[in-house]
Amino acid sequence: MIAAWNIRGLNESTKQLEVSRFLIRKKLDILGLVETHVKDHKEHSIMSHFPSYDIISNKAQGRIWLFYNPSKVVISNVILHEQLIHCDVWFKATNQAIALTCVYRLNDPSARGALWDKLVEISRTSSTWIVMGGTNVIRALGEREGPNPPAIQDIMAFNACLAKCYLDDMHSMGSDFTWSNKQGSETRTWARLDRVLVNPAWLTQFPASYALSLPPGPSDHSPLVVSLAPDSPIKRRFSFLNAWQSHRYQGLINTAWNIPCYGTPMYQLFYKLRSVKNSLQQLHKESFTNITERVQDFRRQLEYCQKELQADLFSPTLIEREKFLLSQYAKLCKTEVDILF
């Protein structure tokens, strides 16, 4: 499985957890992340949360990261460009090879043409080829809804590039629009700014492949998952959790420690420590039990709301509900991060 997602920043621990969960849930061999905004000196610390994956970065202001599982795939012939990462991929399990390009088209008008020129150059040497990521331009007027009409010249330039490269949209399912500005109903804009493109050789080798556009969750872009053809629970010992400090932590400690007890000094110390432990465990049970399930439940509610928005793009009720669910989801994710990290 391979995927691409405009994550809109990977510096926050909640986003890192989101990506980690996405990698595991979809069992991805490769994930192209765009707009990571990660500086070079932070790469190592962030990658420590993804022990099964290596990355390739184009180093261009932290725009593109290509995650890959070295136990599943072999990456070679890497090309780095300001707006793309291109490589050859060999899948060990199936002995299949493809050419993969992860793109992020810059909004700078002076740089846009450079991406199209590079894709045309790559097309001359790529056989079974897939292009994924943020093209940040639509192909037809029906791929955008909302105020401010698109620039026709951008659409024409994009389609001209695709014609030269013999690229076309992969069969897709899910959301018609992959991006929204998440504003109110009066100024809400929807567009298909992310896509999966393939050439004829790809369709010959993978005729049943398809791209699934998923609800965006905490990002404003939908992740795109391409299909080509239960973890064991971790036992944890009692340990201090940072999240407790924001939930009546100090008062519980004081109350538990000051419970009267009698006996030798050693017994009194043991009794007080046990009382503190019992109080913290009770706090955890009341406020943090099944936090992952609660996060996932809010995620499902958020995704359902976002799917409903696809059918009623400017509904004030749905837009307000999306804002509420995003806020609650972010709070629960922060609590989960405090527990897990």
C-alpha atoms as a PDB file:
ATOM      1  CA  MET A   1       0.000   0.000   0.000  1.00  0.00           C
ATOM      2  CA  ILE A   2       1.195   3.499  -0.811  1.00  0.00           C
ATOM      3  CA  ALA A   3      -0.281   6.868   0.099  1.00  0.00           C
ATOM      4  CA  ALA A   4       0.208  10.629  -0.040  1.00  0.00           C
ATOM      5  CA  TRP A   5      -1.027  13.308   2.343  1.00  0.00           C
ATOM      6  CA  ASN A   6      -0.637  17.056   2.715  1.00  0.00           C
ATOM      7  CA  ILE A   7      -0.324  17.032   6.494  1.00  0.00           C
ATOM      8  CA  ARG A   8       0.164  20.812   6.869  1.00  0.00           C
ATOM      9  CA  GLY A   9       2.961  20.571   9.436  1.00  0.00           C
ATOM     10  CA  LEU A  10       4.589  17.678  11.285  1.00  0.00           C
ATOM     11  CA  ASN A  11       6.252  19.557  14.155  1.00  0.00           C
ATOM     12  CA  GLU A  12       3.325  19.082  16.554  1.00  0.00           C
ATOM     13  CA  SER A  13       3.310  15.839  18.536  1.00  0.00           C
ATOM     14  CA  THR A  14      -0.399  15.380  17.798  1.00  0.00           C
ATOM     15  CA  LYS A  15       0.319  15.410  14.065  1.00  0.00           C
ATOM     16  CA  GLN A  16       3.154  12.924  14.555  1.00  0.00           C
ATOM     17  CA  LEU A  17       0.793  10.611  16.402  1.00  0.00           C
ATOM     18  CA  GLU A  18      -1.794  11.055  13.656  1.00  0.00           C
ATOM     19  CA  VAL A  19       0.714  10.053  10.974  1.00  0.00           C
ATOM     20  CA  SER A  20       1.971   7.129  13.056  1.00  0.00           C
ATOM     21  CA  ARG A  21      -1.570   5.847  13.494  1.00  0.00           C
ATOM     22  CA  PHE A  22      -2.235   6.315   9.771  1.00  0.00           C
ATOM     23  CA  LEU A  23       0.855   4.314   8.810  1.00  0.00           C
ATOM     24  CA  ILE A  24      -0.117   1.460  11.110  1.00  0.00           C
ATOM     25  CA  ARG A  25      -3.846   1.442  10.335  1.00  0.00           C
ATOM     26  CA  LYS A  26      -3.324   1.358   6.572  1.00  0.00           C
ATOM     27  CA  LYS A  27      -0.230  -0.899   6.750  1.00  0.00           C
ATOM     28  CA  LEU A  28       1.604   1.433   4.392  1.00  0.00           C
ATOM     29  CA  ASP A  29       4.839   0.520   2.653  1.00  0.00           C
ATOM     30  CA  ILE A  30       5.330   4.094   1.422  1.00  0.00           C
ATOM     31  CA  LEU A  31       3.828   7.428   2.476  1.00  0.00           C
ATOM     32  CA  GLY A  32       4.578  10.742   0.803  1.00  0.00           C
ATOM     33  CA  LEU A  33       4.001  13.632   3.197  1.00  0.00           C
ATOM     34  CA  VAL A  34       3.972  17.153   1.827  1.00  0.00           C
ATOM     35  CA  GLU A  35       4.141  20.459   3.662  1.00  0.00           C
ATOM     36  CA  THR A  36       5.841  18.925   6.691  1.00  0.00           C
ATOM     37  CA  HIS A  37       7.543  22.251   7.581  1.00  0.00           C
ATOM     38  CA  VAL A  38      10.201  20.324   9.507  1.00  0.00           C
ATOM     39  CA  LYS A  39      13.667  21.873   9.755  1.00  0.00           C
ATOM     40  CA  ASP A  40      16.712  19.696   9.125  1.00  0.00           C
ATOM     41  CA  HIS A  41      17.849  19.707  12.754  1.00  0.00           C
ATOM     42  CA  LYS A  42      14.464  18.331  13.931  1.00  0.00           C
ATOM     43  CA  GLU A  43      14.281  15.404  11.527  1.00  0.00           C
ATOM     44  CA  HIS A  44      16.067  12.928  13.788  1.00  0.00           C
ATOM     45  CA  SER A  45      13.922  13.589  16.870  1.00  0.00           C
ATOM     46  CA  ILE A  46      10.683  13.344  14.904  1.00  0.00           C
ATOM     47  CA  MET A  47      11.737  10.180  13.096  1.00  0.00           C
ATOM     48  CA  SER A  48      12.366   8.506  16.450  1.00  0.00           C
ATOM     49  CA  HIS A  49       8.566   8.116  16.643  1.00  0.00           C
ATOM     50  CA  PHE A  50       8.588   6.048  13.423  1.00  0.00           C
ATOM     51  CA  PRO A  51      11.106   3.264  14.141  1.00  0.00           C
ATOM     52  CA  SER A  52       9.983   1.030  11.263  1.00  0.00           C
ATOM     53  CA  TYR A  53      10.430   3.703   8.611  1.00  0.00           C
ATOM     54  CA  ASP A  54      13.210   5.621   6.908  1.00  0.00           C
ATOM     55  CA  ILE A  55      12.704   8.908   5.096  1.00  0.00           C
ATOM     56  CA  ILE A  56      13.909  10.784   2.068  1.00  0.00           C
ATOM     57  CA  SER A  57      13.527  14.568   2.250  1.00  0.00           C
ATOM     58  CA  ASN A  58      13.923  17.100  -0.524  1.00  0.00           C
ATOM     59  CA  LYS A  59      15.283  19.578   2.061  1.00  0.00           C
ATOM     60  CA  ALA A  60      13.282  22.354   0.399  1.00  0.00           C
ATOM     61  CA  GLN A  61      11.925  24.200   3.430  1.00  0.00           C
ATOM     62  CA  GLY A  62      10.629  20.898   4.807  1.00  0.00           C
ATOM     63  CA  ARG A  63       8.143  20.465   1.990  1.00  0.00           C
ATOM     64  CA  ILE A  64       8.267  16.753   1.132  1.00  0.00           C
ATOM     65  CA  TRP A  65       9.098  13.658   3.192  1.00  0.00           C
ATOM     66  CA  LEU A  66       8.927  10.195   1.683  1.00  0.00           C
ATOM     67  CA  PHE A  67       8.427   7.539   4.380  1.00  0.00           C
ATOM     68  CA  TYR A  68       9.272   3.987   3.371  1.00  0.00           C
ATOM     69  CA  ASN A  69       9.537   0.681   5.190  1.00  0.00           C
ATOM     70  CA  PRO A  70      12.976  -0.769   4.307  1.00  0.00           C
ATOM     71  CA  SER A  71      11.824  -4.251   5.287  1.00  0.00           C
ATOM     72  CA  LYS A  72       9.135  -4.102   2.581  1.00  0.00           C
ATOM     73  CA  VAL A  73      10.610  -2.002  -0.248  1.00  0.00           C
ATOM     74  CA  VAL A  74      13.925  -1.046  -1.828  1.00  0.00           C
ATOM     75  CA  ILE A  75      14.341   2.559  -2.976  1.00  0.00           C
ATOM     76  CA  SER A  76      16.810   3.519  -5.722  1.00  0.00           C
ATOM     77  CA  ASN A  77      17.596   6.151  -8.361  1.00  0.00           C
ATOM     78  CA  VAL A  78      16.346   9.010  -6.196  1.00  0.00           C
ATOM     79  CA  ILE A  79      15.831  12.439  -7.782  1.00  0.00           C
ATOM     80  CA  LEU A  80      15.375  15.414  -5.469  1.00  0.00           C
ATOM     81  CA  HIS A  81      13.757  18.611  -6.700  1.00  0.00           C
ATOM     82  CA  GLU A  82      12.291  21.630  -4.977  1.00  0.00           C
ATOM     83  CA  GLN A  83       8.784  20.429  -5.810  1.00  0.00           C
ATOM     84  CA  LEU A  84       9.115  16.653  -5.988  1.00  0.00           C
ATOM     85  CA  ILE A  85      10.866  13.459  -4.919  1.00  0.00           C
ATOM     86  CA  HIS A  86      11.174  10.783  -7.585  1.00  0.00           C
ATOM     87  CA  CYS A  87      12.481   7.236  -7.134  1.00  0.00           C
ATOM     88  CA  ASP A  88      12.275   3.658  -8.301  1.00  0.00           C
ATOM     89  CA  VAL A  89      10.563   1.263  -5.885  1.00  0.00           C
ATOM     90  CA  TRP A  90      10.910  -2.499  -5.694  1.00  0.00           C
ATOM     91  CA  PHE A  91       8.392  -4.397  -3.556  1.00  0.00           C
ATOM     92  CA  LYS A  92      10.132  -7.383  -1.953  1.00  0.00           C
ATOM     93  CA  ALA A  93       7.026  -9.492  -1.317  1.00  0.00           C
ATOM     94  CA  THR A  94       5.693  -9.351  -4.892  1.00  0.00           C
ATOM     95  CA  ASN A  95       8.908  -8.708  -6.831  1.00  0.00           C
ATOM     96  CA  GLN A  96       7.219  -5.768  -8.593  1.00  0.00           C
ATOM     97  CA  ALA A  97       8.893  -2.505  -9.583  1.00  0.00           C
ATOM     98  CA  ILE A  98       7.394   0.942 -10.130  1.00  0.00           C
ATOM     99  CA  ALA A  99       8.512   4.520 -10.591  1.00  0.00           C
ATOM    100  CA  LEU A 100       7.055   6.847  -7.941  1.00  0.00           C
ATOM    101  CA  THR A 101       6.937  10.643  -7.864  1.00  0.00           C
ATOM    102  CA  CYS A 102       5.647  12.553  -4.842  1.00  0.00           C
ATOM    103  CA  VAL A 103       4.896  16.176  -5.737  1.00  0.00           C
ATOM    104  CA  TYR A 104       4.088  19.443  -4.043  1.00  0.00           C
ATOM    105  CA  ARG A 105       3.449  22.346  -6.396  1.00  0.00           C
ATOM    106  CA  LEU A 106       4.566  25.654  -4.942  1.00  0.00           C
ATOM    107  CA  ASN A 107       2.207  28.621  -4.948  1.00  0.00           C
ATOM    108  CA  ASP A 108       4.962  30.911  -6.214  1.00  0.00           C
ATOM    109  CA  PRO A 109       3.949  31.758  -9.817  1.00  0.00           C
ATOM    110  CA  SER A 110       7.588  31.905 -10.921  1.00  0.00           C
ATOM    111  CA  ALA A 111       8.189  28.296  -9.792  1.00  0.00           C
ATOM    112  CA  ARG A 112       5.064  26.575 -11.077  1.00  0.00           C
ATOM    113  CA  GLY A 113       6.308  25.863 -14.586  1.00  0.00           C
ATOM    114  CA  ALA A 114       9.452  24.188 -13.227  1.00  0.00           C
ATOM    115  CA  LEU A 115       7.388  21.307 -11.806  1.00  0.00           C
ATOM    116  CA  TRP A 116       5.650  20.644 -15.118  1.00  0.00           C
ATOM    117  CA  ASP A 117       9.004  20.725 -16.949  1.00  0.00           C
ATOM    118  CA  LYS A 118      10.524  18.243 -14.473  1.00  0.00           C
ATOM    119  CA  LEU A 119       7.594  15.846 -14.842  1.00  0.00           C
ATOM    120  CA  VAL A 120       7.962  15.911 -18.617  1.00  0.00           C
ATOM    121  CA  GLU A 121      11.674  15.149 -18.208  1.00  0.00           C
ATOM    122  CA  ILE A 122      10.987  12.226 -15.846  1.00  0.00           C
ATOM    123  CA  SER A 123       8.311  10.800 -18.159  1.00  0.00           C
ATOM    124  CA  ARG A 124      10.936  10.060 -20.805  1.00  0.00           C
ATOM    125  CA  THR A 125      12.646   7.445 -18.608  1.00  0.00           C
ATOM    126  CA  SER A 126       9.813   6.079 -16.420  1.00  0.00           C
ATOM    127  CA  SER A 127       7.955   2.895 -17.307  1.00  0.00           C
ATOM    128  CA  THR A 128       5.319   1.873 -14.735  1.00  0.00           C
ATOM    129  CA  TRP A 129       4.810   5.328 -13.226  1.00  0.00           C
ATOM    130  CA  ILE A 130       2.623   6.853 -10.524  1.00  0.00           C
ATOM    131  CA  VAL A 131       2.537  10.528  -9.478  1.00  0.00           C
ATOM    132  CA  MET A 132       0.952  11.432  -6.132  1.00  0.00           C
ATOM    133  CA  GLY A 133       0.546  14.454  -3.897  1.00  0.00           C
ATOM    134  CA  GLY A 134      -0.383  18.096  -3.950  1.00  0.00           C
ATOM    135  CA  THR A 135      -0.654  19.416  -7.483  1.00  0.00           C
ATOM    136  CA  ASN A 136      -2.500  22.450  -6.055  1.00  0.00           C
ATOM    137  CA  VAL A 137      -4.367  22.981  -9.314  1.00  0.00           C
ATOM    138  CA  ILE A 138      -7.590  21.613 -10.742  1.00  0.00           C
ATOM    139  CA  ARG A 139      -8.097  20.031 -14.172  1.00  0.00           C
ATOM    140  CA  ALA A 140     -11.655  21.254 -14.798  1.00  0.00           C
ATOM    141  CA  LEU A 141     -13.969  23.958 -13.475  1.00  0.00           C
ATOM    142  CA  GLY A 142     -16.197  21.353 -11.798  1.00  0.00           C
ATOM    143  CA  GLU A 143     -13.356  20.447  -9.434  1.00  0.00           C
ATOM    144  CA  ARG A 144     -13.811  23.657  -7.433  1.00  0.00           C
ATOM    145  CA  GLU A 145     -16.771  25.104  -5.511  1.00  0.00           C
ATOM    146  CA  GLY A 146     -16.903  28.448  -3.739  1.00  0.00           C
ATOM    147  CA  PRO A 147     -15.926  32.074  -4.309  1.00  0.00           C
ATOM    148  CA  ASN A 148     -12.924  33.246  -6.346  1.00  0.00           C
ATOM    149  CA  PRO A 149     -12.844  31.464  -9.707  1.00  0.00           C
ATOM    150  CA  PRO A 150      -9.687  29.515 -10.638  1.00  0.00           C
ATOM    151  CA  ALA A 151      -7.078  30.754 -13.079  1.00  0.00           C
ATOM    152  CA  ILE A 152      -7.837  29.220 -16.466  1.00  0.00           C
ATOM    153  CA  GLN A 153      -4.210  29.476 -17.579  1.00  0.00           C
ATOM    154  CA  ASP A 154      -3.132  27.257 -14.655  1.00  0.00           C
ATOM    155  CA  ILE A 155      -5.672  24.611 -15.657  1.00  0.00           C
ATOM    156  CA  MET A 156      -4.508  24.691 -19.264  1.00  0.00           C
ATOM    157  CA  ALA A 157      -0.822  24.439 -18.307  1.00  0.00           C
ATOM    158  CA  PHE A 158      -1.510  21.468 -16.017  1.00  0.00           C
ATOM    159  CA  ASN A 159      -3.499  19.567 -18.633  1.00  0.00           C
ATOM    160  CA  ALA A 160      -0.846  20.283 -21.255  1.00  0.00           C
ATOM    161  CA  CYS A 161       1.795  18.788 -18.958  1.00  0.00           C
ATOM    162  CA  LEU A 162      -0.293  15.666 -18.347  1.00  0.00           C
ATOM    163  CA  ALA A 163      -0.799  15.189 -22.070  1.00  0.00           C
ATOM    164  CA  LYS A 164       2.954  15.379 -22.704  1.00  0.00           C
ATOM    165  CA  CYS A 165       3.616  12.865 -19.891  1.00  0.00           C
ATOM    166  CA  TYR A 166       0.769  10.512 -20.898  1.00  0.00           C
ATOM    167  CA  LEU A 167      -0.571  10.807 -17.354  1.00  0.00           C
ATOM    168  CA  ASP A 168      -4.211  10.584 -16.336  1.00  0.00           C
ATOM    169  CA  ASP A 169      -6.169  10.333 -13.081  1.00  0.00           C
ATOM    170  CA  MET A 170      -6.246   6.900 -11.485  1.00  0.00           C
ATOM    171  CA  HIS A 171      -9.697   5.484 -10.847  1.00  0.00           C
ATOM    172  CA  SER A 172     -10.685   6.922  -7.471  1.00  0.00           C
ATOM    173  CA  MET A 173     -13.311   6.549  -4.782  1.00  0.00           C
ATOM    174  CA  GLY A 174     -14.253   8.644  -1.769  1.00  0.00           C
ATOM    175  CA  SER A 175     -14.418  12.412  -1.538  1.00  0.00           C
ATOM    176  CA  ASP A 176     -14.745  14.397  -4.770  1.00  0.00           C
ATOM    177  CA  PHE A 177     -12.931  17.339  -3.186  1.00  0.00           C
ATOM    178  CA  THR A 178      -9.599  16.816  -1.436  1.00  0.00           C
ATOM    179  CA  TRP A 179      -9.211  20.274   0.140  1.00  0.00           C
ATOM    180  CA  SER A 180     -11.266  22.941   1.845  1.00  0.00           C
ATOM    181  CA  ASN A 181     -10.277  26.183   3.527  1.00  0.00           C
ATOM    182  CA  LYS A 182     -12.430  25.194   6.544  1.00  0.00           C
ATOM    183  CA  GLN A 183     -13.979  28.647   6.712  1.00  0.00           C
ATOM    184  CA  GLY A 184     -17.614  29.555   7.328  1.00  0.00           C
ATOM    185  CA  SER A 185     -20.413  28.772   4.891  1.00  0.00           C
ATOM    186  CA  GLU A 186     -20.187  32.184   3.186  1.00  0.00           C
ATOM    187  CA  THR A 187     -16.492  31.875   2.348  1.00  0.00           C
ATOM    188  CA  ARG A 188     -16.014  28.074   2.330  1.00  0.00           C
ATOM    189  CA  THR A 189     -14.093  26.841  -0.729  1.00  0.00           C
ATOM    190  CA  TRP A 190     -13.720  23.252  -1.891  1.00  0.00           C
ATOM    191  CA  ALA A 191     -11.314  21.958  -4.534  1.00  0.00           C
ATOM    192  CA  ARG A 192      -9.563  18.855  -5.812  1.00  0.00           C
ATOM    193  CA  LEU A 193      -5.978  19.936  -5.204  1.00  0.00           C
ATOM    194  CA  ASP A 194      -4.521  16.487  -4.461  1.00  0.00           C
ATOM    195  CA  ARG A 195      -4.565  13.598  -6.887  1.00  0.00           C
ATOM    196  CA  VAL A 196      -3.051  10.320  -8.084  1.00  0.00           C
ATOM    197  CA  LEU A 197      -1.891  10.147 -11.703  1.00  0.00           C
ATOM    198  CA  VAL A 198      -0.671   7.112 -13.650  1.00  0.00           C
ATOM    199  CA  ASN A 199       0.601   6.326 -17.144  1.00  0.00           C
ATOM    200  CA  PRO A 200      -0.574   3.562 -19.543  1.00  0.00           C
ATOM    201  CA  ALA A 201       2.146   1.150 -18.380  1.00  0.00           C
ATOM    202  CA  TRP A 202       0.775   1.391 -14.846  1.00  0.00           C
ATOM    203  CA  LEU A 203      -2.735   0.541 -16.013  1.00  0.00           C
ATOM    204  CA  THR A 204      -1.375  -2.483 -17.861  1.00  0.00           C
ATOM    205  CA  GLN A 205       0.494  -3.804 -14.823  1.00  0.00           C
ATOM    206  CA  PHE A 206      -2.105  -2.818 -12.173  1.00  0.00           C
ATOM    207  CA  PRO A 207      -5.484  -2.711 -13.959  1.00  0.00           C
ATOM    208  CA  ALA A 208      -7.478  -3.135 -10.723  1.00  0.00           C
ATOM    209  CA  SER A 209      -5.617  -0.496  -8.702  1.00  0.00           C
ATOM    210  CA  TYR A 210      -7.542   2.468  -7.349  1.00  0.00           C
ATOM    211  CA  ALA A 211      -7.069   5.541  -5.176  1.00  0.00           C
ATOM    212  CA  LEU A 212      -9.191   6.171  -2.094  1.00  0.00           C
ATOM    213  CA  SER A 213      -9.657   9.776  -0.955  1.00  0.00           C
ATOM    214  CA  LEU A 214     -10.240   9.758   2.803  1.00  0.00           C
ATOM    215  CA  PRO A 215     -11.726  12.449   5.073  1.00  0.00           C
ATOM    216  CA  PRO A 216      -9.012  14.990   6.006  1.00  0.00           C
ATOM    217  CA  GLY A 217      -9.256  14.714   9.790  1.00  0.00           C
ATOM    218  CA  PRO A 218      -7.067  17.377  11.437  1.00  0.00           C
ATOM    219  CA  SER A 219      -5.582  18.536   8.117  1.00  0.00           C
ATOM    220  CA  ASP A 220      -7.397  20.542   5.444  1.00  0.00           C
ATOM    221  CA  HIS A 221      -6.269  18.047   2.765  1.00  0.00           C
ATOM    222  CA  SER A 222      -7.504  14.484   2.290  1.00  0.00           C
ATOM    223  CA  PRO A 223      -5.009  11.617   2.432  1.00  0.00           C
ATOM    224  CA  LEU A 224      -4.900   9.533  -0.753  1.00  0.00           C
ATOM    225  CA  VAL A 225      -4.360   5.775  -0.390  1.00  0.00           C
ATOM    226  CA  VAL A 226      -3.535   3.578  -3.377  1.00  0.00           C
ATOM    227  CA  SER A 227      -4.282  -0.128  -3.286  1.00  0.00           C
ATOM    228  CA  LEU A 228      -2.182  -2.407  -5.574  1.00  0.00           C
ATOM    229  CA  ALA A 229      -3.878  -5.857  -5.394  1.00  0.00           C
ATOM    230  CA  PRO A 230      -4.143  -6.819  15.558  1.00  0.00           C
ATOM    231  CA  ASP A 231      -1.272  -5.648  17.238  1.00  0.00           C
ATOM    232  CA  SER A 232      -0.710  -7.273  20.626  1.00  0.00           C
ATOM    233  CA  PRO A 233      -1.468  -4.979  23.570  1.00  0.00           C
ATOM    234  CA  ILE A 234       1.527  -3.549  25.407  1.00  0.00           C
ATOM    235  CA  LYS A 235       1.698  -4.301  29.125  1.00  0.00           C
ATOM    236  CA  ARG A 236       2.659  -1.191  31.062  1.00  0.00           C
ATOM    237  CA  ARG A 237       3.958  -0.894  34.582  1.00  0.00           C
ATOM    238  CA  PHE A 238       2.728   1.871  36.857  1.00  0.00           C
ATOM    239  CA  SER A 239       4.408   5.110  35.824  1.00  0.00           C
ATOM    240  CA  PHE A 240       3.802   8.828  36.120  1.00  0.00           C
ATOM    241  CA  LEU A 241       1.845  10.425  33.274  1.00  0.00           C
ATOM    242  CA  ASN A 242       2.272  14.095  32.370  1.00  0.00           C
ATOM    243  CA  ALA A 243      -1.439  14.364  31.569  1.00  0.00           C
ATOM    244  CA  TRP A 244      -2.337  13.902  35.266  1.00  0.00           C
ATOM    245  CA  GLN A 245      -0.913  17.315  36.132  1.00  0.00           C
ATOM    246  CA  SER A 246      -3.802  19.074  34.396  1.00  0.00           C
ATOM    247  CA  HIS A 247      -6.502  17.022  36.161  1.00  0.00           C
ATOM    248  CA  ARG A 248      -6.705  17.821  39.918  1.00  0.00           C
ATOM    249  CA  TYR A 249      -3.261  16.299  40.314  1.00  0.00           C
ATOM    250  CA  GLN A 250      -1.869  18.382  43.185  1.00  0.00           C
ATOM    251  CA  GLY A 251      -5.033  18.229  45.269  1.00  0.00           C
ATOM    252  CA  LEU A 252      -5.201  14.452  44.981  1.00  0.00           C
ATOM    253  CA  ILE A 253      -1.563  14.098  45.991  1.00  0.00           C
ATOM    254  CA  ASN A 254      -2.022  16.294  49.065  1.00  0.00           C
ATOM    255  CA  THR A 255      -5.193  14.508  50.181  1.00  0.00           C
ATOM    256  CA  ALA A 256      -3.739  11.025  49.720  1.00  0.00           C
ATOM    257  CA  TRP A 257      -0.440  11.900  51.422  1.00  0.00           C
ATOM    258  CA  ASN A 258      -2.116  13.446  54.470  1.00  0.00           C
ATOM    259  CA  ILE A 259      -4.389  10.515  55.309  1.00  0.00           C
ATOM    260  CA  PRO A 260      -3.651   9.670  59.002  1.00  0.00           C
ATOM    261  CA  CYS A 261      -1.752   6.433  59.544  1.00  0.00           C
ATOM    262  CA  TYR A 262       0.211   4.832  62.406  1.00  0.00           C
ATOM    263  CA  GLY A 263       3.133   2.463  62.695  1.00  0.00           C
ATOM    264  CA  THR A 264       6.838   2.554  62.032  1.00  0.00           C
ATOM    265  CA  PRO A 265       8.234   5.345  59.807  1.00  0.00           C
ATOM    266  CA  MET A 266       8.849   2.800  57.035  1.00  0.00           C
ATOM    267  CA  TYR A 267       5.264   1.529  57.201  1.00  0.00           C
ATOM    268  CA  GLN A 268       3.909   5.108  57.178  1.00  0.00           C
ATOM    269  CA  LEU A 269       5.957   5.866  54.044  1.00  0.00           C
ATOM    270  CA  PHE A 270       4.708   2.697  52.368  1.00  0.00           C
ATOM    271  CA  TYR A 271       1.111   3.512  53.302  1.00  0.00           C
ATOM    272  CA  LYS A 272       1.331   7.084  51.959  1.00  0.00           C
ATOM    273  CA  LEU A 273       2.924   5.978  48.670  1.00  0.00           C
ATOM    274  CA  ARG A 274       0.248   3.324  48.223  1.00  0.00           C
ATOM    275  CA  SER A 275      -2.482   5.888  48.915  1.00  0.00           C
ATOM    276  CA  VAL A 276      -1.014   8.253  46.299  1.00  0.00           C
ATOM    277  CA  LYS A 277      -0.785   5.416  43.771  1.00  0.00           C
ATOM    278  CA  ASN A 278      -4.405   4.369  44.384  1.00  0.00           C
ATOM    279  CA  SER A 279      -5.621   7.960  43.998  1.00  0.00           C
ATOM    280  CA  LEU A 280      -3.724   8.431  40.733  1.00  0.00           C
ATOM    281  CA  GLN A 281      -5.033   5.147  39.377  1.00  0.00           C
ATOM    282  CA  GLN A 282      -8.571   6.235  40.227  1.00  0.00           C
ATOM    283  CA  LEU A 283      -7.961   9.577  38.480  1.00  0.00           C
ATOM    284  CA  HIS A 284      -6.676   7.723  35.445  1.00  0.00           C
ATOM    285  CA  LYS A 285      -9.695   5.428  35.409  1.00  0.00           C
ATOM    286  CA  GLU A 286     -12.143   8.347  35.573  1.00  0.00           C
ATOM    287  CA  SER A 287     -10.461  10.680  33.075  1.00  0.00           C
ATOM    288  CA  PHE A 288      -8.134   8.694  30.832  1.00  0.00           C
ATOM    289  CA  THR A 289      -9.475   5.149  30.490  1.00  0.00           C
ATOM    290  CA  ASN A 290      -9.905   4.052  26.853  1.00  0.00           C
ATOM    291  CA  ILE A 291      -8.434   7.346  25.641  1.00  0.00           C
ATOM    292  CA  THR A 292      -7.398   5.785  22.326  1.00  0.00           C
ATOM    293  CA  GLU A 293     -10.924   4.454  21.752  1.00  0.00           C
ATOM    294  CA  ARG A 294     -12.354   7.877  22.624  1.00  0.00           C
ATOM    295  CA  VAL A 295      -9.956   9.549  20.199  1.00  0.00           C
ATOM    296  CA  GLN A 296     -10.933   7.091  17.477  1.00  0.00           C
ATOM    297  CA  ASP A 297     -14.632   7.616  18.221  1.00  0.00           C
ATOM    298  CA  PHE A 298     -14.267  11.377  17.814  1.00  0.00           C
ATOM    299  CA  ARG A 299     -12.245  10.743  14.657  1.00  0.00           C
ATOM    300  CA  ARG A 300     -15.105   8.645  13.248  1.00  0.00           C
ATOM    301  CA  GLN A 301     -17.611  11.386  14.133  1.00  0.00           C
ATOM    302  CA  LEU A 302     -15.343  13.948  12.452  1.00  0.00           C
ATOM    303  CA  GLU A 303     -14.976  11.844   9.311  1.00  0.00           C
ATOM    304  CA  TYR A 304     -18.752  11.254   9.141  1.00  0.00           C
ATOM    305  CA  CYS A 305     -19.384  14.991   9.467  1.00  0.00           C
ATOM    306  CA  GLN A 306     -16.815  15.741   6.759  1.00  0.00           C
ATOM    307  CA  LYS A 307     -18.450  13.182   4.444  1.00  0.00           C
ATOM    308  CA  GLU A 308     -21.815  14.883   5.017  1.00  0.00           C
ATOM    309  CA  LEU A 309     -20.182  18.206   4.151  1.00  0.00           C
ATOM    310  CA  GLN A 310     -19.198  16.774   0.776  1.00  0.00           C
ATOM    311  CA  ALA A 311     -22.939  16.477   0.014  1.00  0.00           C
ATOM    312  CA  ASP A 312     -23.899  19.852   1.548  1.00  0.00           C
ATOM    313  CA  LEU A 313     -20.788  22.001   1.118  1.00  0.00           C
ATOM    314  CA  PHE A 314     -21.990  25.209   2.765  1.00  0.00           C
ATOM    315  CA  SER A 315     -24.261  23.914   5.527  1.00  0.00           C
ATOM    316  CA  PRO A 316     -23.833  26.215   8.577  1.00  0.00           C
ATOM    317  CA  THR A 317     -24.857  23.376  10.917  1.00  0.00           C
ATOM    318  CA  LEU A 318     -22.335  20.926   9.518  1.00  0.00           C
ATOM    319  CA  ILE A 319     -19.562  23.515   9.366  1.00  0.00           C
ATOM    320  CA  GLU A 320     -20.110  24.428  13.038  1.00  0.00           C
ATOM    321  CA  ARG A 321     -20.206  20.756  13.979  1.00  0.00           C
ATOM    322  CA  GLU A 322     -16.941  20.179  12.114  1.00  0.00           C
ATOM    323  CA  LYS A 323     -15.319  23.034  14.060  1.00  0.00           C
ATOM    324  CA  PHE A 324     -16.591  21.590  17.371  1.00  0.00           C
ATOM    325  CA  LEU A 325     -15.399  18.073  16.551  1.00  0.00           C
ATOM    326  CA  LEU A 326     -11.992  19.359  15.418  1.00  0.00           C
ATOM    327  CA  SER A 327     -11.611  21.211  18.730  1.00  0.00           C
ATOM    328  CA  GLN A 328     -12.623  18.229  20.863  1.00  0.00           C
ATOM    329  CA  TYR A 329     -10.555  15.851  18.773  1.00  0.00           C
ATOM    330  CA  ALA A 330      -7.478  18.060  19.205  1.00  0.00           C
ATOM    331  CA  LYS A 331      -7.941  18.121  23.000  1.00  0.00           C
ATOM    332  CA  LEU A 332      -8.250  14.348  23.210  1.00  0.00           C
ATOM    333  CA  CYS A 333      -5.236  13.897  20.924  1.00  0.00           C
ATOM    334  CA  LYS A 334      -3.185  16.170  23.195  1.00  0.00           C
ATOM    335  CA  THR A 335      -4.193  14.059  26.197  1.00  0.00           C
ATOM    336  CA  GLU A 336      -3.292  10.878  24.315  1.00  0.00           C
ATOM    337  CA  VAL A 337       0.102  12.328  23.365  1.00  0.00           C
ATOM    338  CA  ASP A 338       0.788  13.216  27.013  1.00  0.00           C
ATOM    339  CA  ILE A 339       0.085   9.599  27.926  1.00  0.00           C
ATOM    340  CA  LEU A 340       1.988   7.886  25.136  1.00  0.00           C
ATOM    341  CA  PHE A 341       5.004  10.145  24.664  1.00  0.00           C
END
